[in-house]
Amino acid sequence: MITHIQGKLVEKNLTDVVIDCNGVGYLINISLNTYSQIPDGDFLKLYTYLQVKEDSHSLFGFSSKAEREIFKLLISVSGVGASTARTMLSSLTPKQVREGIAHGDVALMQSVKGIGAKTAARVILDLKDKVLKIYDIDDVSTIKNNTNKDEALSALEVLGFARKQAERVVEKIVNHQPDANVEVIIKEALKNL
């Protein structure tokens, strides 16, 4: 019903903003991803999603249409509510969520606070086909690279390296050498960690 709101930014918090639109202040729930995209200034436009429940009406705001679409996909999954979807979009970028679902990356989904193995698996199971179709992602090539990357990351974690740091290094290696096998990725990562 309400597709976007633009107006004067009255209040800005980590989890919500208030936008004054012709004298009416709208409280809009946002993710940390959207918060980081909000420019400094008085004027703001957010793409919105209105959630109507029996006991409340809640507006969720997004800096891009892409983030809103991922949010709508996430809340379509049984057991994933608006607050869980917002948490996922606060921990991961819309692109990371999209690619994590497309690649079947359960570990990535579980890295979000409050997402257990069952929920992560359900999100991937319910949305993988939709994400592959909507975003035209090549399923075959991404899985091979993702498996090598995941195995390398697991090995580096076992060796005692922090996951976040290892992910950054491995990501660079995979981007430069897309066909690198697990051993090559690990050897290169050890040089840079």
N, C-alpha and C. Protein backbone atom coordinates (compact mmCIF):
# COMPACT_ATOMS: atom_id res chain seq x y z
N MET A 1 0.82 -1.20 0.00
CA MET A 1 0.00 0.00 0.00
C MET A 1 0.86 1.27 0.00
N ILE A 2 1.84 1.33 0.91
CA ILE A 2 2.75 2.48 0.93
C ILE A 2 4.08 1.99 0.36
N THR A 3 4.45 2.46 -0.81
CA THR A 3 5.63 1.94 -1.49
C THR A 3 6.91 2.71 -1.18
N HIS A 4 6.78 4.00 -0.87
CA HIS A 4 7.93 4.76 -0.41
C HIS A 4 7.46 5.99 0.36
N ILE A 5 8.36 6.52 1.18
CA ILE A 5 8.07 7.75 1.91
C ILE A 5 9.27 8.66 1.76
N GLN A 6 9.00 9.90 1.43
CA GLN A 6 10.08 10.87 1.38
C GLN A 6 9.65 12.13 2.13
N GLY A 7 10.60 12.72 2.79
CA GLY A 7 10.31 13.91 3.56
C GLY A 7 11.49 14.30 4.42
N LYS A 8 11.21 15.11 5.42
CA LYS A 8 12.26 15.60 6.30
C LYS A 8 12.61 14.55 7.35
N LEU A 9 13.90 14.27 7.47
CA LEU A 9 14.38 13.33 8.48
C LEU A 9 14.37 14.04 9.83
N VAL A 10 13.51 13.58 10.74
CA VAL A 10 13.35 14.21 12.04
C VAL A 10 14.22 13.52 13.09
N GLU A 11 14.27 12.19 13.01
CA GLU A 11 15.00 11.42 14.01
C GLU A 11 15.66 10.23 13.33
N LYS A 12 16.89 9.92 13.75
CA LYS A 12 17.62 8.80 13.14
C LYS A 12 18.25 7.97 14.25
N ASN A 13 17.82 6.70 14.35
CA ASN A 13 18.36 5.76 15.32
C ASN A 13 18.87 4.53 14.57
N LEU A 14 19.58 3.65 15.27
CA LEU A 14 20.11 2.45 14.62
C LEU A 14 19.02 1.54 14.08
N THR A 15 17.86 1.52 14.75
CA THR A 15 16.81 0.58 14.35
C THR A 15 15.59 1.24 13.69
N ASP A 16 15.51 2.56 13.76
CA ASP A 16 14.36 3.23 13.16
C ASP A 16 14.65 4.70 12.85
N VAL A 17 13.81 5.25 12.00
CA VAL A 17 13.88 6.68 11.69
C VAL A 17 12.47 7.25 11.75
N VAL A 18 12.40 8.56 11.92
CA VAL A 18 11.12 9.25 11.82
C VAL A 18 11.25 10.24 10.67
N ILE A 19 10.33 10.12 9.71
CA ILE A 19 10.30 11.03 8.56
C ILE A 19 9.02 11.85 8.63
N ASP A 20 9.19 13.18 8.59
CA ASP A 20 8.05 14.09 8.57
C ASP A 20 7.64 14.31 7.11
N CYS A 21 6.43 13.87 6.81
CA CYS A 21 5.92 14.00 5.44
C CYS A 21 4.65 14.85 5.51
N ASN A 22 4.79 16.12 5.15
CA ASN A 22 3.66 17.06 5.19
C ASN A 22 2.98 17.13 6.55
N GLY A 23 3.80 17.20 7.60
CA GLY A 23 3.24 17.36 8.95
C GLY A 23 2.91 16.07 9.67
N VAL A 24 3.04 14.93 9.01
CA VAL A 24 2.78 13.64 9.65
C VAL A 24 4.13 12.92 9.82
N GLY A 25 4.44 12.52 11.06
CA GLY A 25 5.69 11.82 11.31
C GLY A 25 5.50 10.32 11.22
N TYR A 26 6.24 9.68 10.34
CA TYR A 26 6.17 8.23 10.17
C TYR A 26 7.36 7.57 10.85
N LEU A 27 7.07 6.63 11.76
CA LEU A 27 8.11 5.83 12.40
C LEU A 27 8.36 4.64 11.48
N ILE A 28 9.59 4.51 10.99
CA ILE A 28 9.93 3.46 10.03
C ILE A 28 11.07 2.63 10.59
N ASN A 29 10.83 1.32 10.72
CA ASN A 29 11.85 0.39 11.19
C ASN A 29 12.85 0.15 10.06
N ILE A 30 14.13 0.16 10.42
CA ILE A 30 15.18 -0.03 9.39
C ILE A 30 16.21 -1.05 9.86
N SER A 31 16.97 -1.57 8.90
CA SER A 31 18.09 -2.48 9.21
C SER A 31 19.35 -1.63 9.37
N LEU A 32 20.40 -2.24 9.90
CA LEU A 32 21.68 -1.52 10.02
C LEU A 32 22.25 -1.21 8.65
N ASN A 33 21.94 -2.08 7.67
CA ASN A 33 22.38 -1.84 6.30
C ASN A 33 21.79 -0.53 5.77
N THR A 34 20.49 -0.34 5.98
CA THR A 34 19.85 0.90 5.55
C THR A 34 20.38 2.09 6.35
N TYR A 35 20.57 1.89 7.66
CA TYR A 35 21.09 2.96 8.51
C TYR A 35 22.42 3.49 7.95
N SER A 36 23.28 2.55 7.53
CA SER A 36 24.59 2.96 7.02
C SER A 36 24.50 3.68 5.67
N GLN A 37 23.39 3.51 4.97
CA GLN A 37 23.20 4.13 3.65
C GLN A 37 22.53 5.52 3.74
N ILE A 38 22.00 5.85 4.91
CA ILE A 38 21.28 7.12 5.05
C ILE A 38 22.28 8.28 5.01
N PRO A 39 22.12 9.17 4.04
CA PRO A 39 23.06 10.30 3.94
C PRO A 39 22.79 11.34 5.03
N ASP A 40 23.82 12.12 5.32
CA ASP A 40 23.62 13.23 6.25
C ASP A 40 22.81 14.30 5.53
N GLY A 41 21.86 14.86 6.21
CA GLY A 41 21.02 15.88 5.58
C GLY A 41 19.61 15.79 6.11
N ASP A 42 18.78 16.72 5.67
CA ASP A 42 17.41 16.81 6.16
C ASP A 42 16.44 15.94 5.38
N PHE A 43 16.71 15.71 4.11
CA PHE A 43 15.75 15.05 3.24
C PHE A 43 16.08 13.57 3.08
N LEU A 44 15.06 12.72 3.13
CA LEU A 44 15.28 11.28 3.02
C LEU A 44 14.13 10.62 2.28
N LYS A 45 14.48 9.66 1.44
CA LYS A 45 13.48 8.82 0.77
C LYS A 45 13.81 7.37 1.07
N LEU A 46 12.83 6.62 1.58
CA LEU A 46 13.00 5.20 1.83
C LEU A 46 11.91 4.42 1.13
N TYR A 47 12.28 3.28 0.57
CA TYR A 47 11.29 2.35 0.02
C TYR A 47 10.72 1.59 1.20
N THR A 48 9.42 1.37 1.21
CA THR A 48 8.80 0.83 2.41
C THR A 48 8.00 -0.44 2.16
N TYR A 49 7.78 -1.14 3.27
CA TYR A 49 6.90 -2.31 3.29
C TYR A 49 6.02 -2.15 4.52
N LEU A 50 4.71 -2.19 4.33
CA LEU A 50 3.76 -2.05 5.43
C LEU A 50 3.31 -3.43 5.87
N GLN A 51 3.58 -3.76 7.13
CA GLN A 51 3.14 -5.05 7.67
C GLN A 51 1.90 -4.81 8.53
N VAL A 52 0.80 -5.44 8.16
CA VAL A 52 -0.44 -5.30 8.91
C VAL A 52 -0.69 -6.60 9.68
N LYS A 53 -0.75 -6.45 11.00
CA LYS A 53 -1.05 -7.59 11.87
C LYS A 53 -2.32 -7.27 12.64
N GLU A 54 -2.82 -8.27 13.32
CA GLU A 54 -4.05 -8.09 14.09
C GLU A 54 -3.93 -6.96 15.11
N ASP A 55 -2.76 -6.87 15.75
CA ASP A 55 -2.59 -5.91 16.83
C ASP A 55 -1.68 -4.72 16.50
N SER A 56 -1.15 -4.66 15.27
CA SER A 56 -0.26 -3.55 14.93
C SER A 56 -0.09 -3.37 13.43
N HIS A 57 0.30 -2.16 13.08
CA HIS A 57 0.71 -1.83 11.72
C HIS A 57 2.16 -1.34 11.83
N SER A 58 3.07 -1.94 11.09
CA SER A 58 4.47 -1.55 11.16
C SER A 58 5.01 -1.23 9.78
N LEU A 59 5.77 -0.14 9.70
CA LEU A 59 6.42 0.25 8.45
C LEU A 59 7.89 -0.13 8.52
N PHE A 60 8.37 -0.77 7.48
CA PHE A 60 9.78 -1.10 7.38
C PHE A 60 10.35 -0.35 6.19
N GLY A 61 11.51 0.29 6.40
CA GLY A 61 12.10 1.12 5.35
C GLY A 61 13.42 0.55 4.86
N PHE A 62 13.69 0.79 3.57
CA PHE A 62 14.89 0.24 2.94
C PHE A 62 15.52 1.29 2.04
N SER A 63 16.85 1.28 1.99
CA SER A 63 17.56 2.25 1.17
C SER A 63 17.47 1.91 -0.31
N SER A 64 17.17 0.65 -0.63
CA SER A 64 17.07 0.25 -2.04
C SER A 64 15.90 -0.71 -2.24
N LYS A 65 15.44 -0.77 -3.48
CA LYS A 65 14.37 -1.72 -3.81
C LYS A 65 14.86 -3.15 -3.66
N ALA A 66 16.15 -3.37 -3.95
CA ALA A 66 16.73 -4.72 -3.85
C ALA A 66 16.65 -5.25 -2.41
N GLU A 67 16.96 -4.38 -1.45
CA GLU A 67 16.88 -4.80 -0.05
C GLU A 67 15.44 -5.12 0.33
N ARG A 68 14.50 -4.30 -0.14
CA ARG A 68 13.08 -4.54 0.15
C ARG A 68 12.63 -5.88 -0.43
N GLU A 69 13.07 -6.21 -1.63
CA GLU A 69 12.68 -7.48 -2.26
C GLU A 69 13.22 -8.67 -1.47
N ILE A 70 14.47 -8.58 -1.01
CA ILE A 70 15.04 -9.67 -0.19
C ILE A 70 14.25 -9.81 1.11
N PHE A 71 13.89 -8.68 1.73
CA PHE A 71 13.09 -8.68 2.95
C PHE A 71 11.76 -9.41 2.72
N LYS A 72 11.09 -9.07 1.62
CA LYS A 72 9.80 -9.69 1.30
C LYS A 72 9.94 -11.19 1.06
N LEU A 73 11.04 -11.59 0.41
CA LEU A 73 11.29 -13.03 0.22
C LEU A 73 11.50 -13.72 1.57
N LEU A 74 12.30 -13.09 2.43
CA LEU A 74 12.61 -13.70 3.73
C LEU A 74 11.35 -13.88 4.58
N ILE A 75 10.49 -12.87 4.63
CA ILE A 75 9.30 -13.00 5.48
C ILE A 75 8.26 -13.96 4.89
N SER A 76 8.44 -14.37 3.64
CA SER A 76 7.53 -15.35 3.04
C SER A 76 7.83 -16.76 3.55
N VAL A 77 8.98 -16.93 4.20
CA VAL A 77 9.37 -18.25 4.73
C VAL A 77 8.69 -18.47 6.08
N SER A 78 8.10 -19.64 6.26
CA SER A 78 7.45 -19.99 7.52
C SER A 78 8.46 -19.94 8.66
N GLY A 79 8.13 -19.23 9.73
CA GLY A 79 9.02 -19.13 10.88
C GLY A 79 9.98 -17.96 10.84
N VAL A 80 9.97 -17.20 9.72
CA VAL A 80 10.82 -16.01 9.63
C VAL A 80 9.90 -14.79 9.64
N GLY A 81 9.95 -14.05 10.74
CA GLY A 81 9.14 -12.85 10.86
C GLY A 81 9.91 -11.62 10.41
N ALA A 82 9.24 -10.49 10.51
CA ALA A 82 9.85 -9.23 10.07
C ALA A 82 11.09 -8.89 10.89
N SER A 83 11.06 -9.16 12.20
CA SER A 83 12.23 -8.80 13.02
C SER A 83 13.42 -9.71 12.69
N THR A 84 13.17 -10.98 12.39
CA THR A 84 14.25 -11.89 12.01
C THR A 84 14.83 -11.47 10.66
N ALA A 85 13.96 -11.13 9.72
CA ALA A 85 14.42 -10.68 8.39
C ALA A 85 15.25 -9.40 8.53
N ARG A 86 14.79 -8.49 9.39
CA ARG A 86 15.53 -7.25 9.60
C ARG A 86 16.90 -7.53 10.24
N THR A 87 16.95 -8.48 11.17
CA THR A 87 18.22 -8.87 11.79
C THR A 87 19.17 -9.43 10.74
N MET A 88 18.64 -10.25 9.83
CA MET A 88 19.48 -10.83 8.77
C MET A 88 20.05 -9.72 7.89
N LEU A 89 19.22 -8.73 7.57
CA LEU A 89 19.68 -7.63 6.72
C LEU A 89 20.53 -6.62 7.49
N SER A 90 20.57 -6.76 8.80
CA SER A 90 21.48 -5.93 9.60
C SER A 90 22.85 -6.59 9.69
N SER A 91 22.86 -7.92 9.68
CA SER A 91 24.13 -8.66 9.80
C SER A 91 24.81 -8.86 8.45
N LEU A 92 24.00 -9.00 7.40
CA LEU A 92 24.52 -9.28 6.06
C LEU A 92 23.96 -8.26 5.07
N THR A 93 24.69 -8.01 4.00
CA THR A 93 24.16 -7.12 2.96
C THR A 93 23.12 -7.91 2.15
N PRO A 94 22.22 -7.20 1.45
CA PRO A 94 21.25 -7.91 0.61
C PRO A 94 21.94 -8.86 -0.38
N LYS A 95 23.08 -8.44 -0.91
CA LYS A 95 23.82 -9.29 -1.86
C LYS A 95 24.32 -10.56 -1.18
N GLN A 96 24.84 -10.43 0.06
CA GLN A 96 25.32 -11.61 0.79
C GLN A 96 24.17 -12.58 1.08
N VAL A 97 23.01 -12.04 1.46
CA VAL A 97 21.84 -12.89 1.74
C VAL A 97 21.45 -13.62 0.46
N ARG A 98 21.34 -12.86 -0.63
CA ARG A 98 20.94 -13.43 -1.93
C ARG A 98 21.90 -14.53 -2.36
N GLU A 99 23.21 -14.26 -2.30
CA GLU A 99 24.20 -15.25 -2.72
C GLU A 99 24.28 -16.42 -1.76
N GLY A 100 24.10 -16.16 -0.47
CA GLY A 100 24.10 -17.23 0.52
C GLY A 100 22.97 -18.22 0.27
N ILE A 101 21.80 -17.69 -0.07
CA ILE A 101 20.65 -18.55 -0.39
C ILE A 101 20.92 -19.32 -1.68
N ALA A 102 21.40 -18.62 -2.71
CA ALA A 102 21.65 -19.25 -4.01
C ALA A 102 22.69 -20.36 -3.91
N HIS A 103 23.69 -20.18 -3.04
CA HIS A 103 24.77 -21.16 -2.91
C HIS A 103 24.50 -22.20 -1.84
N GLY A 104 23.37 -22.06 -1.14
CA GLY A 104 23.05 -23.03 -0.09
C GLY A 104 24.00 -22.93 1.09
N ASP A 105 24.44 -21.72 1.42
CA ASP A 105 25.43 -21.50 2.48
C ASP A 105 24.74 -21.43 3.85
N VAL A 106 24.51 -22.60 4.44
CA VAL A 106 23.83 -22.68 5.75
C VAL A 106 24.66 -21.97 6.82
N ALA A 107 25.98 -22.13 6.77
CA ALA A 107 26.86 -21.51 7.77
C ALA A 107 26.71 -19.99 7.77
N LEU A 108 26.60 -19.39 6.59
CA LEU A 108 26.43 -17.94 6.50
C LEU A 108 25.12 -17.51 7.15
N MET A 109 24.04 -18.24 6.85
CA MET A 109 22.73 -17.91 7.43
C MET A 109 22.76 -18.07 8.95
N GLN A 110 23.45 -19.12 9.43
CA GLN A 110 23.53 -19.36 10.87
C GLN A 110 24.41 -18.35 11.58
N SER A 111 25.25 -17.63 10.83
CA SER A 111 26.11 -16.62 11.46
C SER A 111 25.30 -15.44 11.98
N VAL A 112 24.03 -15.35 11.55
CA VAL A 112 23.14 -14.28 12.02
C VAL A 112 22.58 -14.67 13.38
N LYS A 113 22.64 -13.75 14.32
CA LYS A 113 22.16 -14.00 15.68
C LYS A 113 20.68 -14.40 15.63
N GLY A 114 20.34 -15.50 16.29
CA GLY A 114 18.95 -15.94 16.36
C GLY A 114 18.53 -16.89 15.24
N ILE A 115 19.42 -17.16 14.30
CA ILE A 115 19.09 -18.08 13.21
C ILE A 115 19.75 -19.42 13.51
N GLY A 116 18.92 -20.43 13.72
CA GLY A 116 19.44 -21.77 13.99
C GLY A 116 19.56 -22.57 12.71
N ALA A 117 20.02 -23.80 12.86
CA ALA A 117 20.24 -24.67 11.69
C ALA A 117 18.94 -24.93 10.93
N LYS A 118 17.85 -25.17 11.66
CA LYS A 118 16.57 -25.47 10.99
C LYS A 118 16.06 -24.28 10.20
N THR A 119 16.12 -23.10 10.81
CA THR A 119 15.64 -21.90 10.12
C THR A 119 16.50 -21.60 8.91
N ALA A 120 17.82 -21.71 9.07
CA ALA A 120 18.74 -21.46 7.95
C ALA A 120 18.44 -22.42 6.80
N ALA A 121 18.26 -23.70 7.13
CA ALA A 121 17.96 -24.69 6.09
C ALA A 121 16.62 -24.41 5.42
N ARG A 122 15.62 -23.99 6.21
CA ARG A 122 14.30 -23.71 5.66
C ARG A 122 14.34 -22.50 4.72
N VAL A 123 15.09 -21.46 5.11
CA VAL A 123 15.23 -20.27 4.26
C VAL A 123 15.83 -20.67 2.92
N ILE A 124 16.89 -21.46 2.97
CA ILE A 124 17.56 -21.88 1.72
C ILE A 124 16.65 -22.77 0.89
N LEU A 125 16.00 -23.74 1.55
CA LEU A 125 15.12 -24.66 0.83
C LEU A 125 13.96 -23.93 0.16
N ASP A 126 13.33 -23.02 0.90
CA ASP A 126 12.16 -22.30 0.38
C ASP A 126 12.51 -21.27 -0.69
N LEU A 127 13.68 -20.64 -0.57
CA LEU A 127 13.97 -19.50 -1.44
C LEU A 127 14.99 -19.74 -2.54
N LYS A 128 15.72 -20.85 -2.48
CA LYS A 128 16.81 -21.05 -3.44
C LYS A 128 16.33 -20.96 -4.89
N ASP A 129 15.28 -21.69 -5.23
CA ASP A 129 14.77 -21.68 -6.61
C ASP A 129 14.31 -20.29 -7.03
N LYS A 130 13.62 -19.59 -6.12
CA LYS A 130 13.14 -18.23 -6.43
C LYS A 130 14.31 -17.29 -6.68
N VAL A 131 15.32 -17.35 -5.81
CA VAL A 131 16.47 -16.46 -5.93
C VAL A 131 17.23 -16.75 -7.22
N LEU A 132 17.44 -18.03 -7.52
CA LEU A 132 18.15 -18.38 -8.77
C LEU A 132 17.40 -17.87 -9.98
N LYS A 133 16.06 -17.97 -9.93
CA LYS A 133 15.23 -17.53 -11.06
C LYS A 133 15.17 -16.01 -11.17
N ILE A 134 14.89 -15.35 -10.05
CA ILE A 134 14.72 -13.88 -10.06
C ILE A 134 16.01 -13.17 -10.42
N TYR A 135 17.13 -13.61 -9.82
CA TYR A 135 18.39 -12.90 -10.01
C TYR A 135 19.28 -13.54 -11.08
N ASP A 136 18.76 -14.59 -11.73
CA ASP A 136 19.46 -15.24 -12.83
C ASP A 136 20.90 -15.60 -12.46
N ILE A 137 21.05 -16.30 -11.32
CA ILE A 137 22.36 -16.72 -10.85
C ILE A 137 22.65 -18.11 -11.39
N ASP A 138 23.87 -18.34 -11.87
CA ASP A 138 24.26 -19.63 -12.40
C ASP A 138 24.58 -20.57 -11.23
N ASP A 139 23.71 -21.52 -11.00
CA ASP A 139 23.80 -22.42 -9.85
C ASP A 139 25.04 -23.31 -9.88
N VAL A 140 25.39 -23.87 -11.01
CA VAL A 140 26.46 -24.86 -11.10
C VAL A 140 27.83 -24.27 -10.77
N SER A 141 28.20 -23.19 -11.43
CA SER A 141 29.55 -22.64 -11.23
C SER A 141 29.74 -22.09 -9.82
N THR A 142 28.70 -21.51 -9.25
CA THR A 142 28.85 -20.90 -7.93
C THR A 142 29.02 -21.95 -6.84
N ILE A 143 28.37 -23.09 -6.98
CA ILE A 143 28.47 -24.11 -5.94
C ILE A 143 29.89 -24.67 -5.85
N LYS A 144 30.53 -24.91 -6.98
CA LYS A 144 31.90 -25.45 -6.97
C LYS A 144 32.84 -24.50 -6.24
N ASN A 145 32.80 -23.23 -6.62
CA ASN A 145 33.67 -22.24 -5.97
C ASN A 145 33.33 -22.09 -4.50
N ASN A 146 32.04 -22.10 -4.20
CA ASN A 146 31.61 -21.92 -2.83
C ASN A 146 32.08 -23.08 -1.96
N THR A 147 32.03 -24.31 -2.49
CA THR A 147 32.47 -25.47 -1.73
C THR A 147 33.96 -25.37 -1.42
N ASN A 148 34.77 -25.03 -2.41
CA ASN A 148 36.20 -24.86 -2.18
C ASN A 148 36.46 -23.78 -1.14
N LYS A 149 35.74 -22.67 -1.28
CA LYS A 149 35.90 -21.55 -0.36
C LYS A 149 35.51 -21.97 1.07
N ASP A 150 34.38 -22.66 1.20
CA ASP A 150 33.91 -23.10 2.52
C ASP A 150 34.88 -24.07 3.17
N GLU A 151 35.39 -25.02 2.38
CA GLU A 151 36.35 -25.98 2.92
C GLU A 151 37.62 -25.27 3.38
N ALA A 152 38.08 -24.32 2.60
CA ALA A 152 39.28 -23.56 2.96
C ALA A 152 39.03 -22.76 4.25
N LEU A 153 37.87 -22.12 4.34
CA LEU A 153 37.53 -21.34 5.54
C LEU A 153 37.46 -22.24 6.78
N SER A 154 36.84 -23.41 6.62
CA SER A 154 36.75 -24.35 7.75
C SER A 154 38.14 -24.77 8.21
N ALA A 155 39.01 -25.06 7.25
CA ALA A 155 40.38 -25.47 7.59
C ALA A 155 41.11 -24.35 8.32
N LEU A 156 40.95 -23.11 7.84
CA LEU A 156 41.62 -21.98 8.48
C LEU A 156 41.09 -21.74 9.89
N GLU A 157 39.79 -21.97 10.09
CA GLU A 157 39.22 -21.83 11.43
C GLU A 157 39.81 -22.87 12.38
N VAL A 158 39.94 -24.10 11.87
CA VAL A 158 40.54 -25.18 12.67
C VAL A 158 41.96 -24.81 13.07
N LEU A 159 42.66 -24.12 12.16
CA LEU A 159 44.04 -23.70 12.45
C LEU A 159 44.10 -22.52 13.42
N GLY A 160 42.93 -21.98 13.78
CA GLY A 160 42.89 -20.94 14.80
C GLY A 160 42.72 -19.51 14.30
N PHE A 161 42.46 -19.33 13.01
CA PHE A 161 42.27 -17.97 12.48
C PHE A 161 40.82 -17.53 12.67
N ALA A 162 40.63 -16.24 12.92
CA ALA A 162 39.29 -15.68 13.09
C ALA A 162 38.54 -15.75 11.76
N ARG A 163 37.25 -16.13 11.80
CA ARG A 163 36.45 -16.34 10.59
C ARG A 163 36.38 -15.08 9.73
N LYS A 164 36.09 -13.95 10.34
CA LYS A 164 35.94 -12.70 9.57
C LYS A 164 37.22 -12.36 8.80
N GLN A 165 38.34 -12.45 9.48
CA GLN A 165 39.63 -12.14 8.86
C GLN A 165 39.92 -13.13 7.74
N ALA A 166 39.69 -14.41 8.01
CA ALA A 166 39.94 -15.45 7.01
C ALA A 166 39.03 -15.27 5.80
N GLU A 167 37.77 -14.89 6.04
CA GLU A 167 36.82 -14.69 4.93
C GLU A 167 37.32 -13.61 3.98
N ARG A 168 37.80 -12.50 4.53
CA ARG A 168 38.28 -11.40 3.68
C ARG A 168 39.42 -11.85 2.78
N VAL A 169 40.38 -12.56 3.38
CA VAL A 169 41.55 -13.02 2.63
C VAL A 169 41.14 -14.04 1.57
N VAL A 170 40.31 -15.01 1.96
CA VAL A 170 39.89 -16.07 1.03
C VAL A 170 39.07 -15.47 -0.11
N GLU A 171 38.22 -14.50 0.20
CA GLU A 171 37.39 -13.85 -0.84
C GLU A 171 38.28 -13.22 -1.92
N LYS A 172 39.34 -12.54 -1.49
CA LYS A 172 40.27 -11.92 -2.45
C LYS A 172 40.93 -12.98 -3.33
N ILE A 173 41.34 -14.07 -2.71
CA ILE A 173 42.01 -15.15 -3.45
C ILE A 173 41.07 -15.75 -4.48
N VAL A 174 39.83 -16.04 -4.07
CA VAL A 174 38.84 -16.64 -4.97
C VAL A 174 38.50 -15.69 -6.11
N ASN A 175 38.46 -14.39 -5.83
CA ASN A 175 38.18 -13.41 -6.88
C ASN A 175 39.30 -13.35 -7.91
N HIS A 176 40.56 -13.46 -7.45
CA HIS A 176 41.71 -13.42 -8.37
C HIS A 176 41.93 -14.75 -9.08
N GLN A 177 41.63 -15.85 -8.38
CA GLN A 177 41.83 -17.19 -8.95
C GLN A 177 40.55 -18.02 -8.78
N PRO A 178 39.54 -17.78 -9.62
CA PRO A 178 38.25 -18.46 -9.45
C PRO A 178 38.33 -19.99 -9.52
N ASP A 179 39.33 -20.53 -10.22
CA ASP A 179 39.44 -21.98 -10.36
C ASP A 179 40.37 -22.62 -9.34
N ALA A 180 40.81 -21.85 -8.35
CA ALA A 180 41.76 -22.37 -7.35
C ALA A 180 41.11 -23.49 -6.54
N ASN A 181 41.88 -24.57 -6.30
CA ASN A 181 41.35 -25.65 -5.47
C ASN A 181 41.58 -25.31 -3.99
N VAL A 182 41.08 -26.16 -3.11
CA VAL A 182 41.14 -25.89 -1.67
C VAL A 182 42.57 -25.69 -1.18
N GLU A 183 43.50 -26.56 -1.63
CA GLU A 183 44.88 -26.46 -1.17
C GLU A 183 45.51 -25.12 -1.55
N VAL A 184 45.28 -24.69 -2.80
CA VAL A 184 45.84 -23.41 -3.27
C VAL A 184 45.28 -22.26 -2.45
N ILE A 185 43.97 -22.29 -2.20
CA ILE A 185 43.33 -21.22 -1.42
C ILE A 185 43.95 -21.16 -0.02
N ILE A 186 44.11 -22.32 0.62
CA ILE A 186 44.67 -22.35 1.98
C ILE A 186 46.11 -21.85 1.99
N LYS A 187 46.93 -22.31 1.03
CA LYS A 187 48.33 -21.88 0.98
C LYS A 187 48.44 -20.37 0.79
N GLU A 188 47.64 -19.83 -0.15
CA GLU A 188 47.67 -18.39 -0.39
C GLU A 188 47.17 -17.61 0.85
N ALA A 189 46.14 -18.14 1.49
CA ALA A 189 45.58 -17.48 2.67
C ALA A 189 46.61 -17.44 3.81
N LEU A 190 47.33 -18.53 3.98
CA LEU A 190 48.34 -18.58 5.06
C LEU A 190 49.44 -17.53 4.84
N LYS A 191 49.73 -17.22 3.60
CA LYS A 191 50.73 -16.20 3.31
C LYS A 191 50.25 -14.80 3.71
N ASN A 192 48.92 -14.62 3.67
CA ASN A 192 48.35 -13.29 3.90
C ASN A 192 47.73 -13.09 5.29
N LEU A 193 47.70 -14.15 6.09
CA LEU A 193 47.09 -14.02 7.42
C LEU A 193 48.14 -13.78 8.49
